[in-house]
């Protein structure tokens, strides 16, 4: 499935009589609780609450918004008050925590406060596509035994107002019951599904309170747990937009982006948990599930490596991640050659640990380096890089890096007093 380019195209794809109409069975009382944990992100929250007020005006009190403020120190309280006065009215229920209780506890708090028949998480900097939300609720209404409906999501650039991509795809709606655990495991692994975006039946999700832990990723363990209490639906139609660029904040932290760069071992724990619950399957089927799990984890490791390199993260850590992928047979899929990553790690060792240990503030390339090589190293080094000038003596604040096995053409006196000196060969031997 290819996502439309803009949010307007999403709306245009919905039949007019499907737009902004609540499911018939949910018109008595509040149909949906939108649950928003937040902390010190007032500009994004303001934008989100304004859009919800504008886009759900015709739905009235069938939609409520619950904001859990994790003891923000900015003007989040004023933003919530303005949103209530400016259109949301008593549909907005704002709670301020006495202290920061953490994102997950804050989200669980909103679920416990929800009055809607259904509830869903919404990050304070993301968006939803309301027609698709309402269609998803209709699917839940048609499946009264279902606990939750999961769906893929769009990656949305709000600055350019474009949908950039869709996170995972599958071709049709699937409904899984307790008897088909193996089928759900295969579906999740084959399609590399991350069960993160969902609409839940409020009474059940409050009762179940899905477990989270540090060893097995929750987006794989949660659907397995929910299956003990009813059916789990996977819709093919996204209703959620994860915002990549936001006009209210050019630079903002995103927990999901940080997580993907370190969480692949927890991903493995989660998918192995799924396989463990698959039940009585043949050895061939179990082997195939393990193969799919390996591929999913390795693909996420590659994503993590690309993100790390793109953001200039620790080069030594990136090298060891790449080396793990090399050991798993994925060397040809690396975004850079292992030799290039080894060299980056060597420079990262010098401008990080060595510079800190010896108080060095400059990396000097001694003998045989070209200006192009110096420029290449400068692109990712974290301290200034300079080419050595013959006859110039280095000092304790300099790290001397020489090509190959050394620089015999350079007078030893030039670099004798450098705080630390090494060669390319030694660095490559350290990071083979």
Protein backbone atom coordinates (compact mmCIF):
# COMPACT_ATOMS: atom_id res chain seq x y z
CA UNK A 1 0.00 0.00 0.00
CA UNK A 2 1.36 3.39 -0.98
CA UNK A 3 0.45 6.31 1.27
CA UNK A 4 -1.05 9.48 -0.22
CA UNK A 5 1.19 12.52 -0.43
CA UNK A 6 -0.75 14.87 1.83
CA UNK A 7 -3.28 14.74 4.62
CA UNK A 8 -5.84 16.25 2.22
CA UNK A 9 -5.42 13.22 -0.04
CA UNK A 10 -6.18 10.94 2.91
CA UNK A 11 -9.48 12.71 3.46
CA UNK A 12 -10.26 12.70 -0.25
CA UNK A 13 -9.92 8.92 -0.32
CA UNK A 14 -12.80 8.56 2.19
CA UNK A 15 -16.35 8.60 0.89
CA UNK A 16 -18.14 11.81 1.94
CA UNK A 17 -20.74 10.00 4.04
CA UNK A 18 -17.94 8.31 5.99
CA UNK A 19 -16.37 11.56 7.16
CA UNK A 20 -16.73 12.79 10.70
CA UNK A 21 -19.58 10.44 11.57
CA UNK A 22 -19.33 8.46 14.78
CA UNK A 23 -20.06 4.73 14.72
CA UNK A 24 -23.74 4.15 15.37
CA UNK A 25 -23.12 1.89 18.37
CA UNK A 26 -20.87 4.50 19.96
CA UNK A 27 -23.14 7.55 19.68
CA UNK A 28 -24.43 7.15 23.23
CA UNK A 29 -21.90 8.92 25.45
CA UNK A 30 -18.20 9.28 24.75
CA UNK A 31 -16.99 7.00 21.98
CA UNK A 32 -13.24 7.67 22.09
CA UNK A 33 -10.73 8.98 24.61
CA UNK A 34 -7.59 10.52 23.11
CA UNK A 35 -4.82 9.99 25.69
CA UNK A 36 -1.89 12.43 25.59
CA UNK A 37 1.00 12.29 28.06
CA UNK A 38 3.21 15.38 27.84
CA UNK A 39 6.14 17.10 29.52
CA UNK A 40 7.68 20.48 28.65
CA UNK A 41 6.45 20.49 25.05
CA UNK A 42 3.92 23.29 25.14
CA UNK A 43 4.34 24.48 21.50
CA UNK A 44 3.62 21.01 20.07
CA UNK A 45 0.75 20.42 22.50
CA UNK A 46 -0.81 23.75 21.52
CA UNK A 47 -0.71 22.81 17.85
CA UNK A 48 -2.15 19.37 18.53
CA UNK A 49 -5.04 20.57 20.72
CA UNK A 50 -5.95 23.25 18.20
CA UNK A 51 -6.09 20.69 15.41
CA UNK A 52 -8.22 18.28 17.48
CA UNK A 53 -10.68 21.06 18.33
CA UNK A 54 -10.92 22.05 14.69
CA UNK A 55 -11.16 18.59 13.18
CA UNK A 56 -13.57 17.00 15.67
CA UNK A 57 -16.00 19.89 16.17
CA UNK A 58 -18.81 17.95 14.46
CA UNK A 59 -18.29 14.98 16.75
CA UNK A 60 -19.02 16.94 19.91
CA UNK A 61 -18.73 15.05 23.18
CA UNK A 62 -18.28 11.71 21.43
CA UNK A 63 -14.55 12.56 21.59
CA UNK A 64 -12.72 13.50 24.79
CA UNK A 65 -9.09 14.49 25.20
CA UNK A 66 -7.13 13.56 28.32
CA UNK A 67 -3.81 15.30 28.92
CA UNK A 68 -1.45 14.08 31.65
CA UNK A 69 1.14 16.79 32.30
CA UNK A 70 4.28 15.29 33.82
CA UNK A 71 5.06 18.31 36.03
CA UNK A 72 6.05 20.54 33.10
CA UNK A 73 8.05 23.67 33.85
CA UNK A 74 6.92 25.54 30.73
CA UNK A 75 3.47 27.01 29.98
CA UNK A 76 1.74 23.66 29.38
CA UNK A 77 -0.96 24.50 31.96
CA UNK A 78 -1.77 27.75 30.18
CA UNK A 79 -1.87 25.95 26.83
CA UNK A 80 -4.42 23.47 28.18
CA UNK A 81 -6.53 26.27 29.66
CA UNK A 82 -6.50 28.14 26.34
CA UNK A 83 -7.50 24.99 24.45
CA UNK A 84 -10.44 24.43 26.79
CA UNK A 85 -11.56 28.04 26.35
CA UNK A 86 -10.90 28.03 22.63
CA UNK A 87 -12.99 25.12 21.36
CA UNK A 88 -12.45 21.89 23.25
CA UNK A 89 -14.40 23.02 26.31
CA UNK A 90 -15.09 20.28 28.83
CA UNK A 91 -14.10 17.69 26.24
CA UNK A 92 -10.54 18.43 27.41
CA UNK A 93 -9.64 16.93 30.78
CA UNK A 94 -6.25 18.18 31.98
CA UNK A 95 -4.34 16.58 34.86
CA UNK A 96 -1.06 17.90 36.22
CA UNK A 97 1.16 15.38 38.02
CA UNK A 98 2.86 16.58 41.21
CA UNK A 99 6.13 15.16 39.90
CA UNK A 100 7.43 13.54 36.74
CA UNK A 101 6.16 9.97 36.97
CA UNK A 102 7.64 8.86 33.63
CA UNK A 103 6.07 8.56 30.21
CA UNK A 104 4.61 5.06 30.58
CA UNK A 105 3.01 5.68 33.99
CA UNK A 106 1.64 8.93 32.65
CA UNK A 107 0.06 7.09 29.72
CA UNK A 108 -1.39 4.43 32.02
CA UNK A 109 -2.85 7.25 34.12
CA UNK A 110 -4.71 8.59 31.09
CA UNK A 111 -6.10 5.14 30.31
CA UNK A 112 -7.40 4.88 33.88
CA UNK A 113 -9.08 8.28 33.55
CA UNK A 114 -10.62 7.53 30.14
CA UNK A 115 -14.44 7.64 29.92
CA UNK A 116 -14.70 6.65 26.29
CA UNK A 117 -15.72 3.20 25.18
CA UNK A 118 -12.43 3.15 23.29
CA UNK A 119 -9.10 4.83 23.99
CA UNK A 120 -5.92 5.50 22.06
CA UNK A 121 -2.50 6.97 22.74
CA UNK A 122 -1.49 10.11 20.85
CA UNK A 123 1.96 11.66 21.23
CA UNK A 124 1.88 15.41 21.83
CA UNK A 125 3.77 16.05 18.57
CA UNK A 126 1.93 13.63 16.25
CA UNK A 127 -1.37 13.69 14.35
CA UNK A 128 -4.31 11.44 13.55
CA UNK A 129 -6.45 11.02 10.46
CA UNK A 130 -9.95 11.18 11.87
CA UNK A 131 -11.93 9.45 9.10
CA UNK A 132 -9.60 6.45 9.36
CA UNK A 133 -9.93 6.50 13.18
CA UNK A 134 -13.70 6.31 12.90
CA UNK A 135 -13.52 3.51 10.35
CA UNK A 136 -11.27 1.61 12.76
CA UNK A 137 -13.82 2.01 15.53
CA UNK A 138 -16.45 0.57 13.19
CA UNK A 139 -14.22 -2.48 12.72
CA UNK A 140 -14.03 -2.88 16.50
CA UNK A 141 -17.80 -2.51 16.77
CA UNK A 142 -18.21 -5.28 14.21
CA UNK A 143 -15.88 -7.52 16.27
CA UNK A 144 -17.22 -7.32 19.85
CA UNK A 145 -14.75 -9.99 21.06
CA UNK A 146 -11.75 -7.86 20.08
CA UNK A 147 -9.64 -6.19 22.76
CA UNK A 148 -7.62 -3.95 20.45
CA UNK A 149 -7.09 -2.91 16.85
CA UNK A 150 -3.52 -2.27 15.70
CA UNK A 151 -2.57 -0.45 12.51
CA UNK A 152 0.50 0.77 10.62
CA UNK A 153 1.25 4.48 10.63
CA UNK A 154 2.46 7.20 8.31
CA UNK A 155 5.68 9.19 8.67
CA UNK A 156 4.55 12.77 8.13
CA UNK A 157 6.53 15.93 7.43
CA UNK A 158 4.33 18.73 8.79
CA UNK A 159 6.69 21.42 7.52
CA UNK A 160 6.22 20.39 3.89
CA UNK A 161 2.76 18.87 4.63
CA UNK A 162 3.70 15.57 3.02
CA UNK A 163 3.38 11.93 3.94
CA UNK A 164 6.87 10.51 3.46
CA UNK A 165 6.37 6.79 4.02
CA UNK A 166 4.35 4.14 5.79
CA UNK A 167 5.81 2.08 8.63
CA UNK A 168 5.11 -1.57 7.71
CA UNK A 169 2.52 -2.83 5.25
CA UNK A 170 0.09 -5.71 4.94
CA UNK A 171 -2.69 -6.22 2.46
CA UNK A 172 -5.84 -6.89 4.49
CA UNK A 173 -7.39 -6.86 7.95
CA UNK A 174 -6.52 -9.87 10.11
CA UNK A 175 -8.38 -11.00 13.23
CA UNK A 176 -6.50 -13.36 15.55
CA UNK A 177 -7.89 -15.44 18.39
CA UNK A 178 -6.18 -17.32 21.20
CA UNK A 179 -6.30 -20.51 19.13
CA UNK A 180 -4.15 -18.96 16.40
CA UNK A 181 -1.09 -17.73 18.28
CA UNK A 182 1.22 -19.28 15.71
CA UNK A 183 -0.62 -17.48 12.93
CA UNK A 184 -0.25 -14.13 14.67
CA UNK A 185 3.45 -14.75 15.29
CA UNK A 186 4.03 -15.58 11.62
CA UNK A 187 1.99 -12.55 10.50
CA UNK A 188 3.98 -10.18 12.75
CA UNK A 189 7.35 -11.61 11.71
CA UNK A 190 6.62 -11.87 7.98
CA UNK A 191 5.37 -8.29 7.80
CA UNK A 192 7.78 -6.91 10.44
CA UNK A 193 4.83 -5.50 12.37
CA UNK A 194 5.47 -3.30 15.39
CA UNK A 195 2.25 -3.26 17.43
CA UNK A 196 2.64 0.29 18.70
CA UNK A 197 -0.35 2.20 17.31
CA UNK A 198 -3.73 0.94 18.49
CA UNK A 199 -7.27 1.66 19.56
CA UNK A 200 -8.22 -0.30 22.66
CA UNK A 201 -11.48 -1.24 24.31
CA UNK A 202 -11.09 0.94 27.40
CA UNK A 203 -12.63 -1.33 30.04
CA UNK A 204 -10.41 -4.22 28.99
CA UNK A 205 -7.13 -2.34 28.63
CA UNK A 206 -7.64 -0.82 32.08
CA UNK A 207 -8.22 -4.26 33.54
CA UNK A 208 -5.36 -5.97 31.72
CA UNK A 209 -2.69 -3.26 32.25
CA UNK A 210 -0.22 -4.86 29.79
CA UNK A 211 3.17 -5.70 31.26
CA UNK A 212 6.33 -3.92 30.11
CA UNK A 213 9.86 -5.02 30.85
CA UNK A 214 13.46 -4.34 29.87
CA UNK A 215 14.18 -7.72 28.25
CA UNK A 216 11.38 -8.17 25.71
CA UNK A 217 10.03 -5.26 23.66
CA UNK A 218 6.48 -4.33 24.62
CA UNK A 219 5.20 -3.97 21.05
CA UNK A 220 5.68 -7.74 20.64
CA UNK A 221 4.73 -8.88 24.14
CA UNK A 222 1.55 -6.78 24.41
CA UNK A 223 -0.44 -8.36 21.56
CA UNK A 224 0.51 -11.79 22.87
CA UNK A 225 -0.81 -10.81 26.30
CA UNK A 226 -4.00 -9.24 24.92
CA UNK A 227 -4.76 -12.44 23.04
CA UNK A 228 -5.43 -14.12 26.40
CA UNK A 229 -8.41 -11.81 26.92
CA UNK A 230 -10.00 -11.63 23.47
CA UNK A 231 -9.31 -11.19 19.79
CA UNK A 232 -6.64 -8.90 18.36
CA UNK A 233 -7.23 -7.09 15.06
CA UNK A 234 -4.59 -5.86 12.64
CA UNK A 235 -5.98 -3.33 10.18
CA UNK A 236 -4.13 -2.50 6.99
CA UNK A 237 -5.26 1.15 7.03
CA UNK A 238 -3.16 3.73 8.94
CA UNK A 239 -4.98 6.25 11.12
CA UNK A 240 -1.92 7.75 12.83
CA UNK A 241 0.84 10.07 11.66
CA UNK A 242 4.26 10.07 13.32
CA UNK A 243 5.65 13.53 12.64
CA UNK A 244 9.24 13.71 11.41
CA UNK A 245 9.44 17.52 11.14
CA UNK A 246 7.22 19.83 13.16
CA UNK A 247 6.74 23.55 12.44
CA UNK A 248 6.47 24.29 16.17
CA UNK A 249 9.89 22.79 16.96
CA UNK A 250 12.77 22.48 14.53
CA UNK A 251 14.72 20.26 16.93
CA UNK A 252 12.88 18.04 19.36
CA UNK A 253 13.59 14.79 21.12
CA UNK A 254 11.67 11.72 19.98
CA UNK A 255 11.77 8.71 22.27
CA UNK A 256 11.13 6.28 19.42
CA UNK A 257 14.15 7.51 17.49
CA UNK A 258 16.42 7.02 20.47
CA UNK A 259 14.96 3.59 21.13
CA UNK A 260 15.51 2.23 17.64
CA UNK A 261 19.25 2.89 17.96
CA UNK A 262 19.66 0.66 21.01
CA UNK A 263 16.65 -1.65 21.31
CA UNK A 264 17.34 -4.46 18.84
CA UNK A 265 18.20 -6.96 21.57
CA UNK A 266 14.89 -6.17 23.27
CA UNK A 267 13.24 -6.64 19.88
CA UNK A 268 14.77 -10.10 19.80
CA UNK A 269 13.46 -10.78 23.30
CA UNK A 270 9.97 -9.77 22.19
CA UNK A 271 9.84 -11.87 19.04
CA UNK A 272 11.34 -14.88 20.82
CA UNK A 273 8.54 -14.50 23.37
CA UNK A 274 6.04 -14.59 20.50
CA UNK A 275 7.63 -17.74 19.11
CA UNK A 276 7.65 -19.32 22.56
CA UNK A 277 3.89 -18.84 22.77
CA UNK A 278 3.23 -20.19 19.28
CA UNK A 279 2.31 -23.57 20.75
CA UNK A 280 2.56 -26.95 19.08
CA UNK A 281 4.08 -26.20 15.70
CA UNK A 282 6.31 -28.43 13.61
CA UNK A 283 10.07 -28.16 13.89
CA UNK A 284 10.16 -26.80 10.33
CA UNK A 285 7.62 -24.11 11.22
CA UNK A 286 9.50 -23.16 14.38
CA UNK A 287 12.75 -22.96 12.42
CA UNK A 288 11.04 -20.69 9.88
CA UNK A 289 9.73 -18.44 12.67
CA UNK A 290 13.25 -18.19 14.07
CA UNK A 291 14.61 -17.32 10.62
CA UNK A 292 12.01 -14.56 10.25
CA UNK A 293 12.84 -13.28 13.74
CA UNK A 294 16.56 -13.15 12.89
CA UNK A 295 15.82 -11.20 9.73
CA UNK A 296 13.60 -8.70 11.55
CA UNK A 297 16.20 -8.04 14.24
CA UNK A 298 19.02 -7.71 11.72
CA UNK A 299 16.98 -5.28 9.61
CA UNK A 300 16.39 -3.12 12.68
CA UNK A 301 20.11 -3.23 13.50
CA UNK A 302 20.81 -1.92 10.00
CA UNK A 303 18.27 0.87 10.53
CA UNK A 304 19.97 1.70 13.82
CA UNK A 305 23.38 1.85 12.13
CA UNK A 306 22.11 4.18 9.40
CA UNK A 307 20.55 6.49 12.00
CA UNK A 308 23.72 6.49 14.09
CA UNK A 309 25.88 7.39 11.12
CA UNK A 310 23.44 10.03 9.92
CA UNK A 311 23.38 11.69 13.33
CA UNK A 312 27.12 11.46 13.94
CA UNK A 313 26.76 9.17 16.96
CA UNK A 314 29.67 7.45 18.70
CA UNK A 315 31.83 5.94 15.95
CA UNK A 316 33.22 3.18 18.17
CA UNK A 317 29.72 1.95 19.03
CA UNK A 318 28.73 2.13 15.35
CA UNK A 319 31.75 0.01 14.43
CA UNK A 320 30.82 -2.73 16.91
CA UNK A 321 27.23 -2.71 15.68
CA UNK A 322 28.53 -3.09 12.11
CA UNK A 323 30.86 -5.87 13.21
CA UNK A 324 27.92 -7.74 14.73
CA UNK A 325 26.10 -7.45 11.41
CA UNK A 326 29.22 -8.68 9.63
CA UNK A 327 29.19 -11.71 11.91
CA UNK A 328 25.53 -12.31 11.01
CA UNK A 329 26.35 -12.37 7.30
CA UNK A 330 25.03 -8.88 6.49
CA UNK A 331 28.34 -7.19 5.55
CA UNK A 332 27.08 -6.50 2.01
CA UNK A 333 24.11 -4.58 3.45
CA UNK A 334 26.20 -2.17 5.55
CA UNK A 335 25.77 1.50 4.57
CA UNK A 336 29.58 1.92 4.58
CA UNK A 337 32.36 -0.62 4.12
CA UNK A 338 33.75 -2.20 7.26
CA UNK A 339 37.16 -0.63 6.51
CA UNK A 340 35.57 2.82 6.42
CA UNK A 341 33.71 2.15 9.67
CA UNK A 342 36.95 0.84 11.21
CA UNK A 343 38.74 4.07 10.30
CA UNK A 344 35.89 6.14 11.72
CA UNK A 345 36.07 4.12 14.94
CA UNK A 346 39.81 4.74 15.16
CA UNK A 347 39.33 8.49 14.82
CA UNK A 348 36.47 8.28 17.32
CA UNK A 349 38.79 6.56 19.78
CA UNK A 350 41.36 9.31 19.33
CA UNK A 351 39.04 12.31 19.56
CA UNK A 352 37.07 10.75 22.39
CA UNK A 353 38.83 8.59 24.93
CA UNK A 354 42.41 9.60 24.04
CA UNK A 355 41.61 13.31 23.87
CA UNK A 356 39.89 13.14 27.26
CA UNK A 357 42.71 11.11 28.85
CA UNK A 358 45.54 13.36 27.64
CA UNK A 359 43.72 16.68 27.49
CA UNK A 360 44.28 16.87 23.74
CA UNK A 361 42.41 19.39 21.63
CA UNK A 362 43.78 18.82 18.11
CA UNK A 363 44.39 15.85 15.81
CA UNK A 364 47.46 16.44 13.64
CA UNK A 365 48.05 14.28 10.55
CA UNK A 366 51.80 13.77 10.31
CA UNK A 367 53.48 12.81 7.02
CA UNK A 368 51.98 11.48 3.81
CA UNK A 369 48.37 12.65 4.22
CA UNK A 370 46.68 14.60 1.44
CA UNK A 371 44.39 17.58 1.86
CA UNK A 372 41.49 15.41 0.63
CA UNK A 373 42.19 12.82 3.34
CA UNK A 374 42.39 15.54 5.96
CA UNK A 375 39.06 16.97 4.79
CA UNK A 376 37.45 13.51 4.93
CA UNK A 377 38.62 12.95 8.50
CA UNK A 378 37.49 16.46 9.47
CA UNK A 379 33.95 15.62 8.35
CA UNK A 380 33.41 13.25 11.27
CA UNK A 381 36.14 14.12 13.80
CA UNK A 382 34.97 15.87 16.97
CA UNK A 383 38.14 17.93 17.47
CA UNK A 384 39.98 20.13 14.93
CA UNK A 385 42.09 18.30 12.34
CA UNK A 386 45.24 19.79 10.86
CA UNK A 387 47.97 18.72 8.43
CA UNK A 388 51.43 18.83 9.99
CA UNK A 389 53.79 21.44 8.65
CA UNK A 390 57.39 20.12 8.40
CA UNK A 391 59.56 21.50 11.15
CA UNK A 392 56.62 22.46 13.36
CA UNK A 393 56.86 20.84 16.77
CA UNK A 394 53.74 19.31 18.27
CA UNK A 395 52.82 19.84 21.91
CA UNK A 396 51.02 17.97 24.72
CA UNK A 397 47.59 19.14 23.46
CA UNK A 398 48.18 17.43 20.08
CA UNK A 399 47.42 13.88 18.98
CA UNK A 400 49.82 12.78 16.24
CA UNK A 401 48.41 10.36 13.66
CA UNK A 402 50.85 8.92 11.11
CA UNK A 403 50.09 6.86 7.99
CA UNK A 404 50.91 3.19 7.62
CA UNK A 405 53.55 2.06 10.09
CA UNK A 406 54.81 5.60 10.69
CA UNK A 407 56.33 8.65 9.03
CA UNK A 408 60.09 8.12 8.65
CA UNK A 409 60.40 11.19 6.45
CA UNK A 410 59.32 13.43 9.34
CA UNK A 411 61.84 14.38 12.02
CA UNK A 412 61.01 12.57 15.22
CA UNK A 413 61.55 15.81 17.12
CA UNK A 414 58.48 17.26 15.39
CA UNK A 415 56.11 14.88 17.13
CA UNK A 416 58.14 13.69 20.14
CA UNK A 417 56.25 15.94 22.55
CA UNK A 418 52.74 15.14 21.25
CA UNK A 419 50.36 14.13 24.00
CA UNK A 420 49.65 10.86 22.16
CA UNK A 421 50.91 9.38 18.90
CA UNK A 422 49.82 6.41 16.85
CA UNK A 423 49.60 5.10 13.27
CA UNK A 424 46.83 4.12 10.90
CA UNK A 425 48.02 0.50 11.10
CA UNK A 426 47.67 0.49 14.88
CA UNK A 427 44.19 1.98 14.66
CA UNK A 428 43.07 -0.57 12.07
CA UNK A 429 44.50 -3.34 14.22
CA UNK A 430 42.42 -2.05 17.13
CA UNK A 431 39.25 -2.07 15.00
CA UNK A 432 39.84 -4.87 12.47
